[in-house]
C-alpha atoms as a PDB file:
ATOM      1  CA  VAL A   1       0.257   0.374   0.756  1.00  0.00           C
ATOM      2  CA  ILE A   2       0.953   2.926  -0.893  1.00  0.00           C
ATOM      3  CA  PHE A   3       0.183   6.111   1.265  1.00  0.00           C
ATOM      4  CA  SER A   4       0.240   9.630   0.277  1.00  0.00           C
ATOM      5  CA  SER A   5       1.259  12.572   2.399  1.00  0.00           C
ATOM      6  CA  LYS A   6      -1.531  14.469   2.314  1.00  0.00           C
ATOM      7  CA  PHE A   7      -4.591  14.104   4.979  1.00  0.00           C
ATOM      8  CA  HIS A   8      -7.181  12.439   4.154  1.00  0.00           C
ATOM      9  CA  GLN A   9     -10.946  12.486   6.133  1.00  0.00           C
ATOM     10  CA  TYR A  10     -14.207  10.130   5.377  1.00  0.00           C
ATOM     11  CA  LEU A  11     -17.727  10.148   6.330  1.00  0.00           C
ATOM     12  CA  ILE A  12     -18.936   6.726   6.561  1.00  0.00           C
ATOM     13  CA  PRO A  13     -22.529   5.158   7.150  1.00  0.00           C
ATOM     14  CA  CYS A  14     -22.155   2.283   9.308  1.00  0.00           C
ATOM     15  CA  PRO A  15     -25.387   0.323  10.269  1.00  0.00           C
ATOM     16  CA  ILE A  16     -25.529  -0.484  13.865  1.00  0.00           C
ATOM     17  CA  GLY A  17     -28.765  -2.666  13.878  1.00  0.00           C
ATOM     18  CA  LYS A  18     -32.641  -2.732  13.490  1.00  0.00           C
ATOM     19  CA  GLY A  19     -32.109   0.040  10.801  1.00  0.00           C
ATOM     20  CA  ARG A  20     -30.154   2.166  12.744  1.00  0.00           C
ATOM     21  CA  TYR A  21     -27.030   4.121  10.948  1.00  0.00           C
ATOM     22  CA  GLN A  22     -24.362   5.530  12.602  1.00  0.00           C
ATOM     23  CA  THR A  23     -21.999   8.400  10.698  1.00  0.00           C
ATOM     24  CA  GLN A  24     -18.544   8.054  11.555  1.00  0.00           C
ATOM     25  CA  GLN A  25     -15.264  10.341  10.657  1.00  0.00           C
ATOM     26  CA  THR A  26     -12.448   8.414   9.725  1.00  0.00           C
ATOM     27  CA  MET A  27      -9.168  10.101   9.737  1.00  0.00           C
ATOM     28  CA  VAL A  28      -6.511   8.750   7.931  1.00  0.00           C
ATOM     29  CA  THR A  29      -3.188  10.409   8.634  1.00  0.00           C
ATOM     30  CA  PRO A  30      -0.177   8.887   6.837  1.00  0.00           C
ATOM     31  CA  VAL A  31       2.720   8.449   9.262  1.00  0.00           C
ATOM     32  CA  HIS A  32       7.180   7.643   8.117  1.00  0.00           C
ATOM     33  CA  ASP A  33       9.163   6.211  11.130  1.00  0.00           C
ATOM     34  CA  GLU A  34      12.523   7.506  10.299  1.00  0.00           C
ATOM     35  CA  LYS A  35      14.020   4.739  12.418  1.00  0.00           C
ATOM     36  CA  VAL A  36      13.095   1.496  10.454  1.00  0.00           C
ATOM     37  CA  GLN A  37      12.126   3.399   6.962  1.00  0.00           C
ATOM     38  CA  ASN A  38       8.423   2.204   6.749  1.00  0.00           C
ATOM     39  CA  HIS A  39       5.198   4.239   6.420  1.00  0.00           C
ATOM     40  CA  TYR A  40       2.336   3.798   8.193  1.00  0.00           C
ATOM     41  CA  ALA A  41      -1.538   4.927   8.754  1.00  0.00           C
ATOM     42  CA  LEU A  42      -3.075   6.577  11.878  1.00  0.00           C
ATOM     43  CA  PHE A  43      -6.801   5.628  11.090  1.00  0.00           C
ATOM     44  CA  THR A  44      -8.695   8.154  13.818  1.00  0.00           C
ATOM     45  CA  ILE A  45     -12.703   6.990  14.166  1.00  0.00           C
ATOM     46  CA  GLN A  46     -14.780   9.581  15.638  1.00  0.00           C
ATOM     47  CA  ASP A  47     -18.878   9.192  15.867  1.00  0.00           C
ATOM     48  CA  VAL A  48     -20.243  12.157  14.278  1.00  0.00           C
ATOM     49  CA  THR A  49     -24.365  11.044  13.885  1.00  0.00           C
ATOM     50  CA  ASP A  50     -25.498  13.778  16.078  1.00  0.00           C
ATOM     51  CA  ALA A  51     -23.090  16.593  14.114  1.00  0.00           C
ATOM     52  CA  THR A  52     -24.273  15.432  10.847  1.00  0.00           C
ATOM     53  CA  HIS A  53     -28.124  15.604  11.864  1.00  0.00           C
ATOM     54  CA  GLN A  54     -27.718  19.167  12.931  1.00  0.00           C
ATOM     55  CA  LEU A  55     -25.605  20.053   9.803  1.00  0.00           C
ATOM     56  CA  ALA A  56     -28.603  18.976   7.443  1.00  0.00           C
ATOM     57  CA  LYS A  57     -31.037  20.483   9.690  1.00  0.00           C
ATOM     58  CA  PHE A  58     -29.235  23.596   9.256  1.00  0.00           C
ATOM     59  CA  ARG A  59     -28.636  23.000   5.485  1.00  0.00           C
ATOM     60  CA  THR A  60     -32.710  22.248   5.331  1.00  0.00           C
ATOM     61  CA  ILE A  61     -33.735  25.658   6.953  1.00  0.00           C
ATOM     62  CA  LYS A  62     -30.979  27.649   5.121  1.00  0.00           C
ATOM     63  CA  GLU A  63     -33.208  26.788   2.289  1.00  0.00           C
ATOM     64  CA  ASN A  64     -36.554  26.919   3.393  1.00  0.00           C
ATOM     65  CA  LEU A  65     -35.628  30.874   4.776  1.00  0.00           C
ATOM     66  CA  LEU A  66     -33.984  31.583   1.306  1.00  0.00           C
ATOM     67  CA  LYS A  67     -37.132  30.200  -0.433  1.00  0.00           C
ATOM     68  CA  LYS A  68     -39.436  32.704   1.681  1.00  0.00           C
ATOM     69  CA  GLU A  69     -37.497  35.085   1.200  1.00  0.00           C
ATOM     70  CA  ILE A  70     -37.048  34.763  -2.444  1.00  0.00           C
ATOM     71  CA  ASP A  71     -40.986  34.162  -2.229  1.00  0.00           C
ATOM     72  CA  LEU A  72     -41.648  37.608   0.146  1.00  0.00           C
ATOM     73  CA  GLY A  73     -39.539  39.412  -2.445  1.00  0.00           C
ATOM     74  CA  ASN A  74     -42.100  38.322  -5.106  1.00  0.00           C
ATOM     75  CA  LEU A  75     -44.780  39.371  -2.668  1.00  0.00           C
ATOM     76  CA  LEU A  76     -43.814  42.696  -2.715  1.00  0.00           C
ATOM     77  CA  LEU A  77     -43.547  43.038  -6.264  1.00  0.00           C
ATOM     78  CA  GLU A  78     -46.840  41.839  -6.376  1.00  0.00           C
ATOM     79  CA  VAL A  79     -48.551  44.659  -4.330  1.00  0.00           C
ATOM     80  CA  LYS A  80     -46.715  47.008  -5.426  1.00  0.00           C
ATOM     81  CA  ARG A  81     -48.398  46.078  -8.837  1.00  0.00           C
ATOM     82  CA  ILE A  82     -51.181  45.806  -7.313  1.00  0.00           C
ATOM     83  CA  ASN A  83     -50.776  49.272  -5.545  1.00  0.00           C
ATOM     84  CA  ILE A  84     -50.227  50.669  -9.293  1.00  0.00           C
ATOM     85  CA  GLU A  85     -52.960  49.569 -11.079  1.00  0.00           C
ATOM     86  CA  LEU A  86     -55.784  49.975  -8.175  1.00  0.00           C
ATOM     87  CA  GLU A  87     -54.384  53.801  -8.028  1.00  0.00           C
ATOM     88  CA  GLN A  88     -54.929  53.895 -11.992  1.00  0.00           C
ATOM     89  CA  PHE A  89     -58.126  52.480 -11.530  1.00  0.00           C
ATOM     90  CA  ALA A  90     -59.235  55.728  -9.017  1.00  0.00           C
ATOM     91  CA  GLN A  91     -57.579  57.972 -11.343  1.00  0.00           C
ATOM     92  CA  VAL A  92     -59.963  56.489 -14.152  1.00  0.00           C
ATOM     93  CA  VAL A  93     -63.212  56.364 -12.649  1.00  0.00           C
ATOM     94  CA  SER A  94     -62.621  60.012 -10.980  1.00  0.00           C
ATOM     95  CA  HIS A  95     -62.047  61.335 -14.776  1.00  0.00           C
ATOM     96  CA  ASP A  96     -65.075  59.385 -15.580  1.00  0.00           C
ATOM     97  CA  LEU A  97     -67.471  60.389 -12.635  1.00  0.00           C
ATOM     98  CA  LYS A  98     -66.539  63.781 -12.790  1.00  0.00           C
ATOM     99  CA  ALA A  99     -67.319  64.328 -16.073  1.00  0.00           C
ATOM    100  CA  PRO A 100     -71.196  63.447 -15.969  1.00  0.00           C
ATOM    101  CA  LEU A 101     -71.483  65.754 -12.567  1.00  0.00           C
ATOM    102  CA  ARG A 102     -69.753  68.951 -14.485  1.00  0.00           C
ATOM    103  CA  SER A 103     -72.443  68.328 -16.878  1.00  0.00           C
ATOM    104  CA  ILE A 104     -75.300  67.998 -14.387  1.00  0.00           C
ATOM    105  CA  GLN A 105     -73.895  71.286 -12.781  1.00  0.00           C
ATOM    106  CA  ASN A 106     -73.876  73.048 -15.699  1.00  0.00           C
ATOM    107  CA  LEU A 107     -77.497  72.277 -16.927  1.00  0.00           C
ATOM    108  CA  THR A 108     -78.621  73.122 -13.669  1.00  0.00           C
ATOM    109  CA  ASN A 109     -76.869  76.964 -13.634  1.00  0.00           C
ATOM    110  CA  TRP A 110     -78.184  77.125 -17.221  1.00  0.00           C
ATOM    111  CA  ILE A 111     -81.710  75.908 -16.020  1.00  0.00           C
ATOM    112  CA  LEU A 112     -81.385  78.784 -13.048  1.00  0.00           C
ATOM    113  CA  ASP A 113     -80.446  81.651 -15.255  1.00  0.00           C
ATOM    114  CA  ASN A 114     -82.604  80.825 -17.624  1.00  0.00           C
ATOM    115  CA  LEU A 115     -85.687  80.593 -16.302  1.00  0.00           C
ATOM    116  CA  GLU A 116     -85.169  82.113 -12.784  1.00  0.00           C
ATOM    117  CA  ASP A 117     -88.449  84.414 -13.331  1.00  0.00           C
ATOM    118  CA  LYS A 118     -90.225  80.946 -14.523  1.00  0.00           C
ATOM    119  CA  VAL A 119     -89.539  78.478 -11.941  1.00  0.00           C
ATOM    120  CA  ALA A 120     -91.117  78.710  -8.511  1.00  0.00           C
ATOM    121  CA  GLU A 121     -89.853  79.476  -5.475  1.00  0.00           C
ATOM    122  CA  ASP A 122     -89.613  75.485  -4.516  1.00  0.00           C
ATOM    123  CA  SER A 123     -88.289  74.444  -7.651  1.00  0.00           C
ATOM    124  CA  LYS A 124     -85.575  76.818  -7.439  1.00  0.00           C
ATOM    125  CA  ALA A 125     -84.566  75.187  -3.843  1.00  0.00           C
ATOM    126  CA  HIS A 126     -84.259  72.119  -5.515  1.00  0.00           C
ATOM    127  CA  LEU A 127     -82.006  73.297  -7.945  1.00  0.00           C
ATOM    128  CA  HIS A 128     -79.660  74.629  -5.841  1.00  0.00           C
ATOM    129  CA  LEU A 129     -79.848  71.494  -3.629  1.00  0.00           C
ATOM    130  CA  MET A 130     -79.439  69.667  -6.339  1.00  0.00           C
ATOM    131  CA  LYS A 131     -75.600  71.821  -7.089  1.00  0.00           C
ATOM    132  CA  GLU A 132     -74.813  71.267  -3.569  1.00  0.00           C
ATOM    133  CA  GLN A 133     -75.190  67.107  -3.958  1.00  0.00           C
ATOM    134  CA  VAL A 134     -73.265  67.641  -7.461  1.00  0.00           C
ATOM    135  CA  ILE A 135     -70.343  69.662  -5.536  1.00  0.00           C
ATOM    136  CA  ARG A 136     -70.381  66.992  -2.173  1.00  0.00           C
ATOM    137  CA  MET A 137     -69.910  64.844  -4.949  1.00  0.00           C
ATOM    138  CA  GLN A 138     -67.077  65.504  -6.899  1.00  0.00           C
ATOM    139  CA  THR A 139     -65.256  66.275  -3.172  1.00  0.00           C
ATOM    140  CA  MET A 140     -66.006  62.751  -2.121  1.00  0.00           C
ATOM    141  CA  ILE A 141     -64.299  61.070  -5.684  1.00  0.00           C
ATOM    142  CA  ASP A 142     -61.731  63.527  -4.794  1.00  0.00           C
ATOM    143  CA  ALA A 143     -61.678  62.040  -1.314  1.00  0.00           C
ATOM    144  CA  ILE A 144     -61.474  58.691  -2.604  1.00  0.00           C
ATOM    145  CA  LEU A 145     -58.760  59.670  -5.377  1.00  0.00           C
ATOM    146  CA  GLU A 146     -56.489  60.968  -1.963  1.00  0.00           C
ATOM    147  CA  TYR A 147     -57.079  57.918  -0.230  1.00  0.00           C
ATOM    148  CA  SER A 148     -56.301  55.410  -2.796  1.00  0.00           C
ATOM    149  CA  LYS A 149     -52.798  57.359  -3.325  1.00  0.00           C
ATOM    150  CA  ASP A 150     -49.954  55.082  -2.222  1.00  0.00           C
ATOM    151  CA  ILE A 151     -49.479  56.869   1.541  1.00  0.00           C
ATOM    152  CA  GLY A 152     -47.896  54.157   2.703  1.00  0.00           C
ATOM    153  CA  GLY A 153     -44.835  53.896   0.133  1.00  0.00           C
ATOM    154  CA  GLU A 154     -41.198  54.640   0.155  1.00  0.00           C
ATOM    155  CA  HIS A 155     -40.508  57.851   1.183  1.00  0.00           C
ATOM    156  CA  LYS A 156     -37.281  59.356   2.559  1.00  0.00           C
ATOM    157  CA  MET A 157     -35.972  59.309   6.112  1.00  0.00           C
ATOM    158  CA  GLU A 158     -34.883  62.989   7.468  1.00  0.00           C
ATOM    159  CA  LEU A 159     -33.926  64.714   9.855  1.00  0.00           C
ATOM    160  CA  VAL A 160     -37.396  66.078  11.358  1.00  0.00           C
ATOM    161  CA  ASN A 161     -37.773  69.119  14.107  1.00  0.00           C
ATOM    162  CA  THR A 162     -41.335  68.005  15.583  1.00  0.00           C
ATOM    163  CA  GLN A 163     -41.980  71.317  17.014  1.00  0.00           C
ATOM    164  CA  THR A 164     -41.064  73.071  13.609  1.00  0.00           C
ATOM    165  CA  LEU A 165     -43.527  70.847  12.122  1.00  0.00           C
ATOM    166  CA  ILE A 166     -46.018  71.618  13.986  1.00  0.00           C
ATOM    167  CA  LYS A 167     -45.544  75.648  13.353  1.00  0.00           C
ATOM    168  CA  GLU A 168     -45.685  74.835   9.970  1.00  0.00           C
ATOM    169  CA  ILE A 169     -48.820  72.822  10.441  1.00  0.00           C
ATOM    170  CA  ILE A 170     -50.727  75.395  12.719  1.00  0.00           C
ATOM    171  CA  GLU A 171     -49.767  78.501   9.970  1.00  0.00           C
ATOM    172  CA  GLU A 172     -51.238  76.722   7.462  1.00  0.00           C
ATOM    173  CA  ALA A 173     -54.649  75.638   9.182  1.00  0.00           C
ATOM    174  CA  HIS A 174     -55.846  79.319   9.412  1.00  0.00           C
ATOM    175  CA  ALA A 175     -57.480  79.111  12.954  1.00  0.00           C
ATOM    176  CA  PRO A 176     -58.942  82.250  13.966  1.00  0.00           C
ATOM    177  CA  ALA A 177     -56.292  84.744  15.795  1.00  0.00           C
ATOM    178  CA  SER A 178     -58.206  84.213  19.454  1.00  0.00           C
ATOM    179  CA  PHE A 179     -57.020  80.199  18.600  1.00  0.00           C
ATOM    180  CA  ARG A 180     -54.681  78.990  21.130  1.00  0.00           C
ATOM    181  CA  PHE A 181     -52.019  76.478  20.742  1.00  0.00           C
ATOM    182  CA  HIS A 182     -50.362  75.112  23.355  1.00  0.00           C
ATOM    183  CA  ILE A 183     -47.150  73.256  21.619  1.00  0.00           C
ATOM    184  CA  HIS A 184     -45.115  71.085  24.746  1.00  0.00           C
ATOM    185  CA  PRO A 185     -41.453  71.675  24.499  1.00  0.00           C
ATOM    186  CA  ASP A 186     -39.996  67.987  24.802  1.00  0.00           C
ATOM    187  CA  LEU A 187     -40.685  67.605  21.251  1.00  0.00           C
ATOM    188  CA  PRO A 188     -38.612  65.540  19.387  1.00  0.00           C
ATOM    189  CA  LYS A 189     -35.742  65.831  16.282  1.00  0.00           C
ATOM    190  CA  PHE A 190     -35.666  62.527  15.397  1.00  0.00           C
ATOM    191  CA  TYR A 191     -35.054  60.614  11.519  1.00  0.00           C
ATOM    192  CA  THR A 192     -38.139  59.647   9.926  1.00  0.00           C
ATOM    193  CA  HIS A 193     -40.411  59.624   6.866  1.00  0.00           C
ATOM    194  CA  ARG A 194     -41.262  63.284   7.762  1.00  0.00           C
ATOM    195  CA  THR A 195     -44.201  63.641   4.710  1.00  0.00           C
ATOM    196  CA  LYS A 196     -45.745  60.772   6.327  1.00  0.00           C
ATOM    197  CA  LEU A 197     -46.282  62.474  10.149  1.00  0.00           C
ATOM    198  CA  LYS A 198     -46.872  65.596   8.205  1.00  0.00           C
ATOM    199  CA  GLN A 199     -50.066  64.275   6.838  1.00  0.00           C
ATOM    200  CA  VAL A 200     -50.987  62.946  10.061  1.00  0.00           C
ATOM    201  CA  PHE A 201     -50.475  66.006  12.627  1.00  0.00           C
ATOM    202  CA  SER A 202     -52.059  67.803  10.332  1.00  0.00           C
ATOM    203  CA  ASN A 203     -55.731  66.293   9.661  1.00  0.00           C
ATOM    204  CA  LEU A 204     -55.734  65.888  13.286  1.00  0.00           C
ATOM    205  CA  VAL A 205     -54.800  69.841  13.652  1.00  0.00           C
ATOM    206  CA  ASN A 206     -57.236  70.826  10.842  1.00  0.00           C
ATOM    207  CA  ASN A 207     -59.645  68.736  12.432  1.00  0.00           C
ATOM    208  CA  ALA A 208     -59.542  70.292  15.662  1.00  0.00           C
ATOM    209  CA  VAL A 209     -59.509  73.667  14.295  1.00  0.00           C
ATOM    210  CA  LYS A 210     -62.582  73.273  11.573  1.00  0.00           C
ATOM    211  CA  HIS A 211     -64.945  71.639  14.208  1.00  0.00           C
ATOM    212  CA  HIS A 212     -64.375  73.698  17.265  1.00  0.00           C
ATOM    213  CA  ASP A 213     -67.606  75.269  18.251  1.00  0.00           C
ATOM    214  CA  ARG A 214     -66.170  78.750  19.041  1.00  0.00           C
ATOM    215  CA  GLN A 215     -63.461  80.841  18.095  1.00  0.00           C
ATOM    216  CA  ASP A 216     -61.589  80.975  21.171  1.00  0.00           C
ATOM    217  CA  GLY A 217     -60.670  77.276  21.090  1.00  0.00           C
ATOM    218  CA  GLU A 218     -57.710  75.774  22.540  1.00  0.00           C
ATOM    219  CA  VAL A 219     -55.581  72.710  21.088  1.00  0.00           C
ATOM    220  CA  GLU A 220     -52.932  70.719  23.064  1.00  0.00           C
ATOM    221  CA  ILE A 221     -49.530  69.427  21.075  1.00  0.00           C
ATOM    222  CA  GLY A 222     -47.775  66.839  23.537  1.00  0.00           C
ATOM    223  CA  VAL A 223     -45.388  64.053  23.203  1.00  0.00           C
ATOM    224  CA  ASN A 224     -44.671  60.944  25.596  1.00  0.00           C
ATOM    225  CA  ASP A 225     -41.488  58.634  25.150  1.00  0.00           C
ATOM    226  CA  LYS A 226     -42.315  54.944  24.895  1.00  0.00           C
ATOM    227  CA  GLY A 227     -38.937  53.531  24.612  1.00  0.00           C
ATOM    228  CA  GLU A 228     -39.178  52.211  21.289  1.00  0.00           C
ATOM    229  CA  THR A 229     -41.928  54.871  20.183  1.00  0.00           C
ATOM    230  CA  PHE A 230     -43.144  58.189  20.455  1.00  0.00           C
ATOM    231  CA  GLU A 231     -46.774  58.447  21.619  1.00  0.00           C
ATOM    232  CA  PHE A 232     -48.106  61.973  20.648  1.00  0.00           C
ATOM    233  CA  ARG A 233     -51.325  63.504  20.934  1.00  0.00           C
ATOM    234  CA  VAL A 234     -53.770  66.246  19.796  1.00  0.00           C
ATOM    235  CA  LYS A 235     -55.889  67.134  22.391  1.00  0.00           C
ATOM    236  CA  ASP A 236     -58.767  70.077  22.209  1.00  0.00           C
ATOM    237  CA  ASP A 237     -61.640  71.701  24.392  1.00  0.00           C
ATOM    238  CA  GLY A 238     -64.047  71.467  21.318  1.00  0.00           C
ATOM    239  CA  PRO A 239     -67.623  70.070  21.479  1.00  0.00           C
ATOM    240  CA  GLY A 240     -66.265  66.173  22.080  1.00  0.00           C
ATOM    241  CA  ILE A 241     -67.535  63.569  19.986  1.00  0.00           C
ATOM    242  CA  ASP A 242     -70.726  61.598  20.353  1.00  0.00           C
ATOM    243  CA  PRO A 243     -69.952  57.530  21.783  1.00  0.00           C
ATOM    244  CA  THR A 244     -72.043  56.380  19.309  1.00  0.00           C
ATOM    245  CA  TYR A 245     -70.203  57.276  16.206  1.00  0.00           C
ATOM    246  CA  GLN A 246     -66.405  56.658  18.245  1.00  0.00           C
ATOM    247  CA  LYS A 247     -66.563  53.236  16.532  1.00  0.00           C
ATOM    248  CA  ASN A 248     -66.099  54.001  13.693  1.00  0.00           C
ATOM    249  CA  ILE A 249     -64.650  57.558  12.961  1.00  0.00           C
ATOM    250  CA  PHE A 250     -61.504  55.879  11.097  1.00  0.00           C
ATOM    251  CA  ILE A 251     -63.552  54.686   8.614  1.00  0.00           C
ATOM    252  CA  ILE A 252     -63.788  56.278   5.258  1.00  0.00           C
ATOM    253  CA  PHE A 253     -66.468  58.748   4.809  1.00  0.00           C
ATOM    254  CA  GLN A 254     -67.958  57.999   8.633  1.00  0.00           C
ATOM    255  CA  THR A 255     -68.111  61.671  10.363  1.00  0.00           C
ATOM    256  CA  ALA A 256     -68.654  62.132  14.197  1.00  0.00           C
ATOM    257  CA  SER A 257     -72.079  63.171  13.390  1.00  0.00           C
ATOM    258  CA  LYS A 258     -74.980  63.578  11.023  1.00  0.00           C
ATOM    259  CA  LYS A 259     -74.364  67.367  11.021  1.00  0.00           C
ATOM    260  CA  LEU A 260     -70.660  67.135  10.116  1.00  0.00           C
ATOM    261  CA  SER A 261     -71.631  64.583   7.467  1.00  0.00           C
ATOM    262  CA  GLU A 262     -72.907  67.248   5.352  1.00  0.00           C
ATOM    263  CA  ASN A 263     -69.867  69.345   4.531  1.00  0.00           C
ATOM    264  CA  SER A 264     -67.231  66.850   5.288  1.00  0.00           C
ATOM    265  CA  THR A 265     -65.971  63.861   4.151  1.00  0.00           C
ATOM    266  CA  GLY A 266     -64.559  61.586   6.810  1.00  0.00           C
ATOM    267  CA  ILE A 267     -61.621  61.099   4.694  1.00  0.00           C
ATOM    268  CA  GLY A 268     -58.937  62.828   7.085  1.00  0.00           C
ATOM    269  CA  LEU A 269     -59.143  60.379   9.936  1.00  0.00           C
ATOM    270  CA  ALA A 270     -58.927  57.914   7.903  1.00  0.00           C
ATOM    271  CA  ILE A 271     -56.050  58.905   6.340  1.00  0.00           C
ATOM    272  CA  VAL A 272     -54.835  59.032   9.614  1.00  0.00           C
ATOM    273  CA  LYS A 273     -55.184  56.077  10.767  1.00  0.00           C
ATOM    274  CA  LYS A 274     -53.699  54.107   7.538  1.00  0.00           C
ATOM    275  CA  ILE A 275     -50.211  55.990   7.516  1.00  0.00           C
ATOM    276  CA  VAL A 276     -50.449  55.226  11.336  1.00  0.00           C
ATOM    277  CA  THR A 277     -51.508  51.418  11.121  1.00  0.00           C
ATOM    278  CA  ASP A 278     -48.826  50.937   7.787  1.00  0.00           C
ATOM    279  CA  ASN A 279     -46.021  52.393   9.934  1.00  0.00           C
ATOM    280  CA  LYS A 280     -46.790  49.713  12.588  1.00  0.00           C
ATOM    281  CA  GLY A 281     -48.507  51.960  15.118  1.00  0.00           C
ATOM    282  CA  THR A 282     -51.931  52.676  16.891  1.00  0.00           C
ATOM    283  CA  VAL A 283     -54.277  55.620  16.813  1.00  0.00           C
ATOM    284  CA  GLU A 284     -56.646  56.069  19.537  1.00  0.00           C
ATOM    285  CA  LEU A 285     -59.993  58.827  20.540  1.00  0.00           C
ATOM    286  CA  VAL A 286     -60.850  59.605  23.916  1.00  0.00           C
ATOM    287  CA  SER A 287     -64.261  62.392  23.937  1.00  0.00           C
ATOM    288  CA  SER A 288     -66.856  62.619  25.890  1.00  0.00           C
ATOM    289  CA  LEU A 289     -69.365  65.191  24.625  1.00  0.00           C
ATOM    290  CA  GLY A 290     -68.684  68.801  25.866  1.00  0.00           C
ATOM    291  CA  GLU A 291     -65.108  68.118  26.852  1.00  0.00           C
ATOM    292  CA  GLY A 292     -63.258  67.755  24.254  1.00  0.00           C
ATOM    293  CA  SER A 293     -60.998  64.826  22.037  1.00  0.00           C
ATOM    294  CA  GLN A 294     -57.971  63.973  22.545  1.00  0.00           C
ATOM    295  CA  PHE A 295     -56.416  61.780  19.769  1.00  0.00           C
ATOM    296  CA  THR A 296     -53.174  60.069  21.014  1.00  0.00           C
ATOM    297  CA  PHE A 297     -50.851  57.770  18.035  1.00  0.00           C
ATOM    298  CA  THR A 298     -47.557  55.877  18.505  1.00  0.00           C
ATOM    299  CA  TRP A 299     -44.712  56.606  15.993  1.00  0.00           C
ATOM    300  CA  PRO A 300     -41.592  54.530  15.796  1.00  0.00           C
ATOM    301  CA  LYS A 301     -38.538  55.885  16.741  1.00  0.00           C
ATOM    302  CA  ASN A 302     -35.427  55.352  14.403  1.00  0.00           C
ATOM    303  CA  LEU A 303     -32.004  54.325  15.848  1.00  0.00           C
ATOM    304  CA  GLN A 304     -30.234  57.711  14.475  1.00  0.00           C
ATOM    305  CA  THR A 305     -32.624  59.985  16.470  1.00  0.00           C
ATOM    306  CA  LEU A 306     -30.910  62.636  18.378  1.00  0.00           C
ATOM    307  CA  ASN A 307     -30.246  62.076  22.129  1.00  0.00           C
ATOM    308  CA  ASN A 308     -31.106  65.866  22.623  1.00  0.00           C
ATOM    309  CA  PRO A 309     -35.273  66.595  22.002  1.00  0.00           C
ATOM    310  CA  ASN A 310     -34.617  70.360  22.035  1.00  0.00           C
ATOM    311  CA  PRO A 311     -34.923  72.352  18.693  1.00  0.00           C
END
């Protein structure tokens, strides 16, 4: 037998009875005895059955994870494709529905202009009501289009000074001069999706102003640090929301009262819910009639969040 100077290793399944096998690792090492000028082979046999089984399990797990990763990637691509198709569909439907509505509105205006002296007062009232309903329908179509936008899509992360963001939103809200806003000084600076966060705050602040029953209302914006998330709150001292309507307040086209449904689409809080949920957060309402409303929502922090929350 001629032995090379190389190290050899073999994995050999060996029967040990009753259909059971043991995997043995056999290592062959060439040895040269200089005294007698002979070559030998050193055989080392070790039971590696358990290690072999574990290795097989790890390989199976790795293969399954790779398959799931591929499946997840394909699923995400399919979701993106569906979102694009839904947005395109909403835009087409919006355009096709708006065209006849514009015609109805124009025809109503022509009837009122041409036959104003010949139309009875109750008929005039009906025509004006028709115009109002057409305008409301157009508003609802716009709301559907806005809701269908990919607001859960990708947006770049950037450093957001929440205090500055809130002040910007308040300026855009055009609240009465007598309205007062209390912005807590501990609002954070952190890296997040600015556009999404602004959409949430804008809807909550605008709702607090729009549906307040006084010109000298107050709105408080604050935050609690919950470790991995911030819990923001927008609290007002307005008329409050009837418990009857609170259950469905975050559903599209649902409003806080029948009166509000006449001039509100109910889209704002639905968008708030959608954005917060897409960001793995929660949103809640605490309100009683005559005692104002408080909306709280959680928002995830980022690892790059600054330790100093002050502007």
